[in-house]
C-alpha atoms as a PDB file:
ATOM      1  CA  UNK A   1      -0.001  -0.002  -0.004  1.00  0.00           C
ATOM      2  CA  UNK A   2       1.599   3.226  -1.189  1.00  0.00           C
ATOM      3  CA  UNK A   3       0.647   6.689   0.084  1.00  0.00           C
ATOM      4  CA  UNK A   4       1.752   9.998  -1.452  1.00  0.00           C
ATOM      5  CA  UNK A   5       1.830  12.854   1.067  1.00  0.00           C
ATOM      6  CA  UNK A   6       2.031  16.271  -0.573  1.00  0.00           C
ATOM      7  CA  UNK A   7       3.734  18.877   1.577  1.00  0.00           C
ATOM      8  CA  UNK A   8       3.318  22.223  -0.159  1.00  0.00           C
ATOM      9  CA  UNK A   9       6.329  23.702   1.640  1.00  0.00           C
ATOM     10  CA  UNK A  10       9.149  22.430   3.845  1.00  0.00           C
ATOM     11  CA  UNK A  11       7.228  23.413   7.008  1.00  0.00           C
ATOM     12  CA  UNK A  12       4.046  21.454   6.245  1.00  0.00           C
ATOM     13  CA  UNK A  13       4.909  18.053   7.686  1.00  0.00           C
ATOM     14  CA  UNK A  14       2.801  14.857   7.759  1.00  0.00           C
ATOM     15  CA  UNK A  15       3.202  14.630  11.538  1.00  0.00           C
ATOM     16  CA  UNK A  16       0.688  12.467  13.352  1.00  0.00           C
ATOM     17  CA  UNK A  17      -1.155  11.529  10.153  1.00  0.00           C
ATOM     18  CA  UNK A  18       1.994  10.209   8.524  1.00  0.00           C
ATOM     19  CA  UNK A  19       2.932   8.327  11.692  1.00  0.00           C
ATOM     20  CA  UNK A  20      -0.441   6.609  11.806  1.00  0.00           C
ATOM     21  CA  UNK A  21      -0.210   5.536   8.186  1.00  0.00           C
ATOM     22  CA  UNK A  22       3.210   4.008   8.906  1.00  0.00           C
ATOM     23  CA  UNK A  23       1.692   2.246  11.933  1.00  0.00           C
ATOM     24  CA  UNK A  24      -0.752   0.591   9.526  1.00  0.00           C
ATOM     25  CA  UNK A  25       2.071  -0.570   7.268  1.00  0.00           C
ATOM     26  CA  UNK A  26       1.737   2.031   4.522  1.00  0.00           C
ATOM     27  CA  UNK A  27       4.781   2.857   2.419  1.00  0.00           C
ATOM     28  CA  UNK A  28       4.779   6.663   2.687  1.00  0.00           C
ATOM     29  CA  UNK A  29       6.442   8.971   0.158  1.00  0.00           C
ATOM     30  CA  UNK A  30       6.607  12.725   0.767  1.00  0.00           C
ATOM     31  CA  UNK A  31       6.592  15.246  -2.091  1.00  0.00           C
ATOM     32  CA  UNK A  32       7.613  18.823  -1.194  1.00  0.00           C
ATOM     33  CA  UNK A  33       6.212  21.237  -3.768  1.00  0.00           C
ATOM     34  CA  UNK A  34       8.051  24.410  -2.778  1.00  0.00           C
ATOM     35  CA  UNK A  35      11.623  23.818  -1.561  1.00  0.00           C
ATOM     36  CA  UNK A  36      12.955  25.749   1.399  1.00  0.00           C
ATOM     37  CA  UNK A  37      15.063  28.061  -0.756  1.00  0.00           C
ATOM     38  CA  UNK A  38      11.958  29.194  -2.678  1.00  0.00           C
ATOM     39  CA  UNK A  39       9.709  29.707   0.356  1.00  0.00           C
ATOM     40  CA  UNK A  40       9.505  33.479  -0.232  1.00  0.00           C
ATOM     41  CA  UNK A  41       9.091  32.990  -3.986  1.00  0.00           C
ATOM     42  CA  UNK A  42       6.774  29.985  -4.141  1.00  0.00           C
ATOM     43  CA  UNK A  43       5.639  30.186  -7.781  1.00  0.00           C
ATOM     44  CA  UNK A  44       7.721  27.159  -8.773  1.00  0.00           C
ATOM     45  CA  UNK A  45       7.222  24.465 -11.369  1.00  0.00           C
ATOM     46  CA  UNK A  46       6.305  21.093  -9.874  1.00  0.00           C
ATOM     47  CA  UNK A  47       5.832  17.856 -11.734  1.00  0.00           C
ATOM     48  CA  UNK A  48       3.123  15.952  -9.872  1.00  0.00           C
ATOM     49  CA  UNK A  49       3.223  12.175 -10.260  1.00  0.00           C
ATOM     50  CA  UNK A  50       0.436  10.146 -11.792  1.00  0.00           C
ATOM     51  CA  UNK A  51      -2.009   9.552  -8.908  1.00  0.00           C
ATOM     52  CA  UNK A  52      -2.918   6.181 -10.379  1.00  0.00           C
ATOM     53  CA  UNK A  53       0.495   4.968  -9.190  1.00  0.00           C
ATOM     54  CA  UNK A  54      -0.653   5.433  -5.577  1.00  0.00           C
ATOM     55  CA  UNK A  55      -3.222   3.839  -3.280  1.00  0.00           C
ATOM     56  CA  UNK A  56      -3.777   7.039  -1.291  1.00  0.00           C
ATOM     57  CA  UNK A  57      -2.970  10.719  -1.802  1.00  0.00           C
ATOM     58  CA  UNK A  58      -2.836  13.151   1.143  1.00  0.00           C
ATOM     59  CA  UNK A  59      -2.471  16.860   0.218  1.00  0.00           C
ATOM     60  CA  UNK A  60      -1.390  18.705   3.374  1.00  0.00           C
ATOM     61  CA  UNK A  61      -1.543  22.339   4.492  1.00  0.00           C
ATOM     62  CA  UNK A  62       0.113  25.427   3.055  1.00  0.00           C
ATOM     63  CA  UNK A  63       0.806  29.020   4.076  1.00  0.00           C
ATOM     64  CA  UNK A  64      -0.737  30.146   0.766  1.00  0.00           C
ATOM     65  CA  UNK A  65      -4.313  30.248  -0.511  1.00  0.00           C
ATOM     66  CA  UNK A  66      -5.677  28.077  -3.309  1.00  0.00           C
ATOM     67  CA  UNK A  67      -6.895  31.349  -4.831  1.00  0.00           C
ATOM     68  CA  UNK A  68      -3.478  33.049  -4.673  1.00  0.00           C
ATOM     69  CA  UNK A  69      -2.738  32.341  -8.341  1.00  0.00           C
ATOM     70  CA  UNK A  70      -0.271  35.204  -8.618  1.00  0.00           C
ATOM     71  CA  UNK A  71       1.984  33.560  -6.014  1.00  0.00           C
ATOM     72  CA  UNK A  72       1.446  29.838  -6.706  1.00  0.00           C
ATOM     73  CA  UNK A  73      -0.236  29.676 -10.109  1.00  0.00           C
ATOM     74  CA  UNK A  74       2.597  27.626 -11.600  1.00  0.00           C
ATOM     75  CA  UNK A  75       1.670  24.624  -9.456  1.00  0.00           C
ATOM     76  CA  UNK A  76      -1.787  25.023  -7.942  1.00  0.00           C
ATOM     77  CA  UNK A  77      -3.670  24.378 -11.209  1.00  0.00           C
ATOM     78  CA  UNK A  78      -1.620  21.228 -11.985  1.00  0.00           C
ATOM     79  CA  UNK A  79      -2.255  19.993  -8.451  1.00  0.00           C
ATOM     80  CA  UNK A  80      -6.006  20.464  -8.807  1.00  0.00           C
ATOM     81  CA  UNK A  81      -5.888  18.548 -12.089  1.00  0.00           C
ATOM     82  CA  UNK A  82      -4.019  15.714 -10.359  1.00  0.00           C
ATOM     83  CA  UNK A  83      -6.501  15.590  -7.492  1.00  0.00           C
ATOM     84  CA  UNK A  84      -9.412  15.521  -9.942  1.00  0.00           C
ATOM     85  CA  UNK A  85      -7.803  12.644 -11.844  1.00  0.00           C
ATOM     86  CA  UNK A  86      -7.272  10.731  -8.607  1.00  0.00           C
ATOM     87  CA  UNK A  87     -10.887  11.167  -7.570  1.00  0.00           C
ATOM     88  CA  UNK A  88     -12.222  10.163 -10.970  1.00  0.00           C
ATOM     89  CA  UNK A  89     -10.084   7.015 -10.819  1.00  0.00           C
ATOM     90  CA  UNK A  90     -11.360   6.220  -7.290  1.00  0.00           C
ATOM     91  CA  UNK A  91      -7.969   6.797  -5.643  1.00  0.00           C
ATOM     92  CA  UNK A  92      -8.774   7.906  -2.086  1.00  0.00           C
ATOM     93  CA  UNK A  93      -7.783  11.413  -1.022  1.00  0.00           C
ATOM     94  CA  UNK A  94      -7.438  12.875   2.467  1.00  0.00           C
ATOM     95  CA  UNK A  95      -7.201  16.652   2.112  1.00  0.00           C
ATOM     96  CA  UNK A  96      -5.962  18.603   5.147  1.00  0.00           C
ATOM     97  CA  UNK A  97      -6.597  22.376   5.494  1.00  0.00           C
ATOM     98  CA  UNK A  98      -5.209  23.767   2.196  1.00  0.00           C
ATOM     99  CA  UNK A  99      -5.410  20.182   0.930  1.00  0.00           C
ATOM    100  CA  UNK A 100      -9.091  20.022   1.847  1.00  0.00           C
ATOM    101  CA  UNK A 101      -9.695  23.337   0.114  1.00  0.00           C
ATOM    102  CA  UNK A 102      -7.782  22.119  -2.947  1.00  0.00           C
ATOM    103  CA  UNK A 103      -9.869  18.933  -3.007  1.00  0.00           C
ATOM    104  CA  UNK A 104     -13.082  20.943  -2.847  1.00  0.00           C
ATOM    105  CA  UNK A 105     -11.936  23.269  -5.633  1.00  0.00           C
ATOM    106  CA  UNK A 106     -10.728  20.400  -7.823  1.00  0.00           C
ATOM    107  CA  UNK A 107     -14.137  18.704  -7.675  1.00  0.00           C
ATOM    108  CA  UNK A 108     -16.271  21.734  -8.501  1.00  0.00           C
ATOM    109  CA  UNK A 109     -16.524  23.523  -5.161  1.00  0.00           C
ATOM    110  CA  UNK A 110     -14.675  26.712  -4.312  1.00  0.00           C
ATOM    111  CA  UNK A 111     -12.529  28.479  -1.759  1.00  0.00           C
ATOM    112  CA  UNK A 112     -13.296  31.856  -0.203  1.00  0.00           C
ATOM    113  CA  UNK A 113     -12.116  34.044   2.650  1.00  0.00           C
ATOM    114  CA  UNK A 114     -13.623  32.933   5.949  1.00  0.00           C
ATOM    115  CA  UNK A 115     -15.479  35.564   8.002  1.00  0.00           C
ATOM    116  CA  UNK A 116     -12.616  35.420  10.476  1.00  0.00           C
ATOM    117  CA  UNK A 117      -9.375  33.539  10.984  1.00  0.00           C
ATOM    118  CA  UNK A 118      -9.284  30.463  13.175  1.00  0.00           C
ATOM    119  CA  UNK A 119      -6.045  29.840  15.061  1.00  0.00           C
ATOM    120  CA  UNK A 120      -5.716  27.463  17.990  1.00  0.00           C
ATOM    121  CA  UNK A 121      -7.771  24.605  19.427  1.00  0.00           C
ATOM    122  CA  UNK A 122     -11.411  24.648  18.294  1.00  0.00           C
ATOM    123  CA  UNK A 123     -14.220  22.133  18.891  1.00  0.00           C
ATOM    124  CA  UNK A 124     -16.469  21.180  15.985  1.00  0.00           C
ATOM    125  CA  UNK A 125     -20.010  19.896  15.635  1.00  0.00           C
ATOM    126  CA  UNK A 126     -19.873  16.450  14.064  1.00  0.00           C
ATOM    127  CA  UNK A 127     -22.432  14.143  12.495  1.00  0.00           C
ATOM    128  CA  UNK A 128     -20.160  11.087  12.767  1.00  0.00           C
ATOM    129  CA  UNK A 129     -17.638  10.932  15.591  1.00  0.00           C
ATOM    130  CA  UNK A 130     -16.099   7.783  14.095  1.00  0.00           C
ATOM    131  CA  UNK A 131     -15.074   9.880  11.082  1.00  0.00           C
ATOM    132  CA  UNK A 132     -14.366  13.250  12.695  1.00  0.00           C
ATOM    133  CA  UNK A 133     -14.562  13.621  16.432  1.00  0.00           C
ATOM    134  CA  UNK A 134     -15.671  16.814  18.176  1.00  0.00           C
ATOM    135  CA  UNK A 135     -12.054  17.708  18.911  1.00  0.00           C
ATOM    136  CA  UNK A 136     -10.816  20.185  19.836  1.00  0.00           C
ATOM    137  CA  UNK A 137      -8.815  20.288  16.602  1.00  0.00           C
ATOM    138  CA  UNK A 138      -5.953  22.648  15.861  1.00  0.00           C
ATOM    139  CA  UNK A 139      -6.817  25.357  13.337  1.00  0.00           C
ATOM    140  CA  UNK A 140      -4.633  27.845  11.447  1.00  0.00           C
ATOM    141  CA  UNK A 141      -6.516  29.207   8.446  1.00  0.00           C
ATOM    142  CA  UNK A 142      -8.015  32.298   6.861  1.00  0.00           C
ATOM    143  CA  UNK A 143      -9.950  30.670   3.985  1.00  0.00           C
ATOM    144  CA  UNK A 144     -12.735  28.094   3.929  1.00  0.00           C
ATOM    145  CA  UNK A 145     -14.027  25.607   1.358  1.00  0.00           C
ATOM    146  CA  UNK A 146     -17.477  25.568  -0.188  1.00  0.00           C
ATOM    147  CA  UNK A 147     -18.560  21.989  -0.855  1.00  0.00           C
ATOM    148  CA  UNK A 148     -18.347  20.464  -4.326  1.00  0.00           C
ATOM    149  CA  UNK A 149     -21.452  18.878  -5.857  1.00  0.00           C
ATOM    150  CA  UNK A 150     -22.200  15.495  -4.315  1.00  0.00           C
ATOM    151  CA  UNK A 151     -20.141  16.097  -1.158  1.00  0.00           C
ATOM    152  CA  UNK A 152     -21.626  15.445   2.275  1.00  0.00           C
ATOM    153  CA  UNK A 153     -20.701  17.799   5.110  1.00  0.00           C
ATOM    154  CA  UNK A 154     -19.957  15.805   8.261  1.00  0.00           C
ATOM    155  CA  UNK A 155     -18.575  18.495  10.576  1.00  0.00           C
ATOM    156  CA  UNK A 156     -18.854  22.264  10.970  1.00  0.00           C
ATOM    157  CA  UNK A 157     -18.710  25.209  13.337  1.00  0.00           C
ATOM    158  CA  UNK A 158     -19.948  28.790  13.238  1.00  0.00           C
ATOM    159  CA  UNK A 159     -17.086  29.871  10.948  1.00  0.00           C
ATOM    160  CA  UNK A 160     -17.108  27.230   8.236  1.00  0.00           C
ATOM    161  CA  UNK A 161     -17.591  23.690   7.099  1.00  0.00           C
ATOM    162  CA  UNK A 162     -14.980  21.600   8.892  1.00  0.00           C
ATOM    163  CA  UNK A 163     -15.142  18.268   7.068  1.00  0.00           C
ATOM    164  CA  UNK A 164     -16.768  16.631   4.075  1.00  0.00           C
ATOM    165  CA  UNK A 165     -16.753  13.281   2.345  1.00  0.00           C
ATOM    166  CA  UNK A 166     -17.180  12.553  -1.329  1.00  0.00           C
ATOM    167  CA  UNK A 167     -16.791   9.074  -2.704  1.00  0.00           C
ATOM    168  CA  UNK A 168     -13.799   7.462  -1.003  1.00  0.00           C
ATOM    169  CA  UNK A 169     -12.268  10.838  -0.151  1.00  0.00           C
ATOM    170  CA  UNK A 170     -12.467  13.293   2.750  1.00  0.00           C
ATOM    171  CA  UNK A 171     -11.441  16.900   3.238  1.00  0.00           C
ATOM    172  CA  UNK A 172     -10.955  18.565   6.615  1.00  0.00           C
ATOM    173  CA  UNK A 173     -10.333  22.220   7.458  1.00  0.00           C
ATOM    174  CA  UNK A 174      -8.290  21.634  10.597  1.00  0.00           C
ATOM    175  CA  UNK A 175      -4.838  20.127  11.185  1.00  0.00           C
ATOM    176  CA  UNK A 176      -5.012  16.567  12.573  1.00  0.00           C
ATOM    177  CA  UNK A 177      -1.307  16.155  11.694  1.00  0.00           C
ATOM    178  CA  UNK A 178      -0.102  18.940  14.014  1.00  0.00           C
ATOM    179  CA  UNK A 179       2.729  18.345  16.450  1.00  0.00           C
ATOM    180  CA  UNK A 180       4.545  20.683  18.829  1.00  0.00           C
ATOM    181  CA  UNK A 181       7.587  20.493  16.550  1.00  0.00           C
ATOM    182  CA  UNK A 182       5.596  21.498  13.485  1.00  0.00           C
ATOM    183  CA  UNK A 183       3.901  24.419  15.242  1.00  0.00           C
ATOM    184  CA  UNK A 184       7.286  25.603  16.481  1.00  0.00           C
ATOM    185  CA  UNK A 185       8.478  25.639  12.866  1.00  0.00           C
ATOM    186  CA  UNK A 186       5.427  27.640  11.742  1.00  0.00           C
ATOM    187  CA  UNK A 187       5.845  30.200  14.510  1.00  0.00           C
ATOM    188  CA  UNK A 188       9.556  30.529  13.809  1.00  0.00           C
ATOM    189  CA  UNK A 189       8.948  31.266  10.129  1.00  0.00           C
ATOM    190  CA  UNK A 190       6.462  34.136  10.260  1.00  0.00           C
ATOM    191  CA  UNK A 191       3.593  32.484  12.048  1.00  0.00           C
ATOM    192  CA  UNK A 192       4.342  34.287  15.284  1.00  0.00           C
ATOM    193  CA  UNK A 193       3.389  37.637  13.698  1.00  0.00           C
ATOM    194  CA  UNK A 194       0.197  36.141  12.294  1.00  0.00           C
ATOM    195  CA  UNK A 195      -0.725  34.801  15.702  1.00  0.00           C
ATOM    196  CA  UNK A 196      -0.112  38.164  17.399  1.00  0.00           C
ATOM    197  CA  UNK A 197      -2.186  39.921  14.712  1.00  0.00           C
ATOM    198  CA  UNK A 198      -5.135  37.874  15.941  1.00  0.00           C
ATOM    199  CA  UNK A 199      -4.602  38.937  19.536  1.00  0.00           C
ATOM    200  CA  UNK A 200      -2.986  35.653  20.561  1.00  0.00           C
ATOM    201  CA  UNK A 201       0.396  34.859  22.090  1.00  0.00           C
ATOM    202  CA  UNK A 202       2.723  32.347  20.399  1.00  0.00           C
ATOM    203  CA  UNK A 203       4.104  31.209  23.754  1.00  0.00           C
ATOM    204  CA  UNK A 204       0.594  30.358  24.948  1.00  0.00           C
ATOM    205  CA  UNK A 205      -0.103  28.319  21.798  1.00  0.00           C
ATOM    206  CA  UNK A 206       3.115  26.368  22.344  1.00  0.00           C
ATOM    207  CA  UNK A 207       2.218  25.679  25.962  1.00  0.00           C
ATOM    208  CA  UNK A 208      -1.232  24.500  24.898  1.00  0.00           C
ATOM    209  CA  UNK A 209       0.028  22.157  22.208  1.00  0.00           C
ATOM    210  CA  UNK A 210       2.560  20.568  24.554  1.00  0.00           C
ATOM    211  CA  UNK A 211      -0.268  19.871  27.010  1.00  0.00           C
ATOM    212  CA  UNK A 212      -2.650  18.713  24.294  1.00  0.00           C
ATOM    213  CA  UNK A 213      -0.309  16.729  22.053  1.00  0.00           C
ATOM    214  CA  UNK A 214      -0.908  13.244  23.431  1.00  0.00           C
ATOM    215  CA  UNK A 215      -4.696  13.648  23.417  1.00  0.00           C
ATOM    216  CA  UNK A 216      -4.541  15.192  19.940  1.00  0.00           C
ATOM    217  CA  UNK A 217      -2.531  12.210  18.662  1.00  0.00           C
ATOM    218  CA  UNK A 218      -5.232   9.899  20.039  1.00  0.00           C
ATOM    219  CA  UNK A 219      -7.954  11.864  18.201  1.00  0.00           C
ATOM    220  CA  UNK A 220      -5.926  11.728  14.991  1.00  0.00           C
ATOM    221  CA  UNK A 221      -5.495   7.977  15.283  1.00  0.00           C
ATOM    222  CA  UNK A 222      -9.301   7.614  15.415  1.00  0.00           C
ATOM    223  CA  UNK A 223      -9.709   9.903  12.392  1.00  0.00           C
ATOM    224  CA  UNK A 224      -7.104   8.104  10.275  1.00  0.00           C
ATOM    225  CA  UNK A 225      -8.294   4.641  11.311  1.00  0.00           C
ATOM    226  CA  UNK A 226     -11.888   5.551  10.461  1.00  0.00           C
ATOM    227  CA  UNK A 227     -10.873   7.010   7.113  1.00  0.00           C
ATOM    228  CA  UNK A 228      -8.839   3.940   6.157  1.00  0.00           C
ATOM    229  CA  UNK A 229     -11.709   1.650   7.155  1.00  0.00           C
ATOM    230  CA  UNK A 230     -14.232   3.546   5.066  1.00  0.00           C
ATOM    231  CA  UNK A 231     -12.051   3.891   1.972  1.00  0.00           C
ATOM    232  CA  UNK A 232     -11.628   0.114   1.727  1.00  0.00           C
ATOM    233  CA  UNK A 233     -15.367  -0.647   1.733  1.00  0.00           C
END
């Protein structure tokens, strides 16, 4: 079983999601779209592999917006084409934050600015706790997805849709993969200013994630296990 994990930059790591796939015996390959040396100039060419060569594709988060064509137009359209091809061929997809938004956009939905940013631990209202538990889940986003035709929303809050399923695929708005190490990387590469702009303190977020990490890993294991069980039906 081969899984392709798409990290859109060197700071978007597979974290707890990647670890759980390895626990289940998956052969995990990571593709980094924007290398570290192009982080400030992310409009790079990227040759995405044929998704039919994989049993699972997991597009991860990104500091950019799906709609930010001026900054990432060289690769965002090819990625959406790849995700669409995967879905049409019944290759399961698990889209996380930007990846969930990209999945929605690829299948005929859209992405728009959310009414407010969500940063930190946020509970969600869920229709199926075996698929997406109530959390709290870690959030760090400014945009939100609008569901593609045929998708079923399975979780939400007052800001946006938080999870949907379509076929054998699922998109989530939050970050089940998050670890203390990954958040530290985000904060150390410009995220600290974003956090402060929302009236939050980076040090407090780090304290919270260190306290919450073990419980968050347990919630992610349930999410990944449930997803893998459903995609093999």
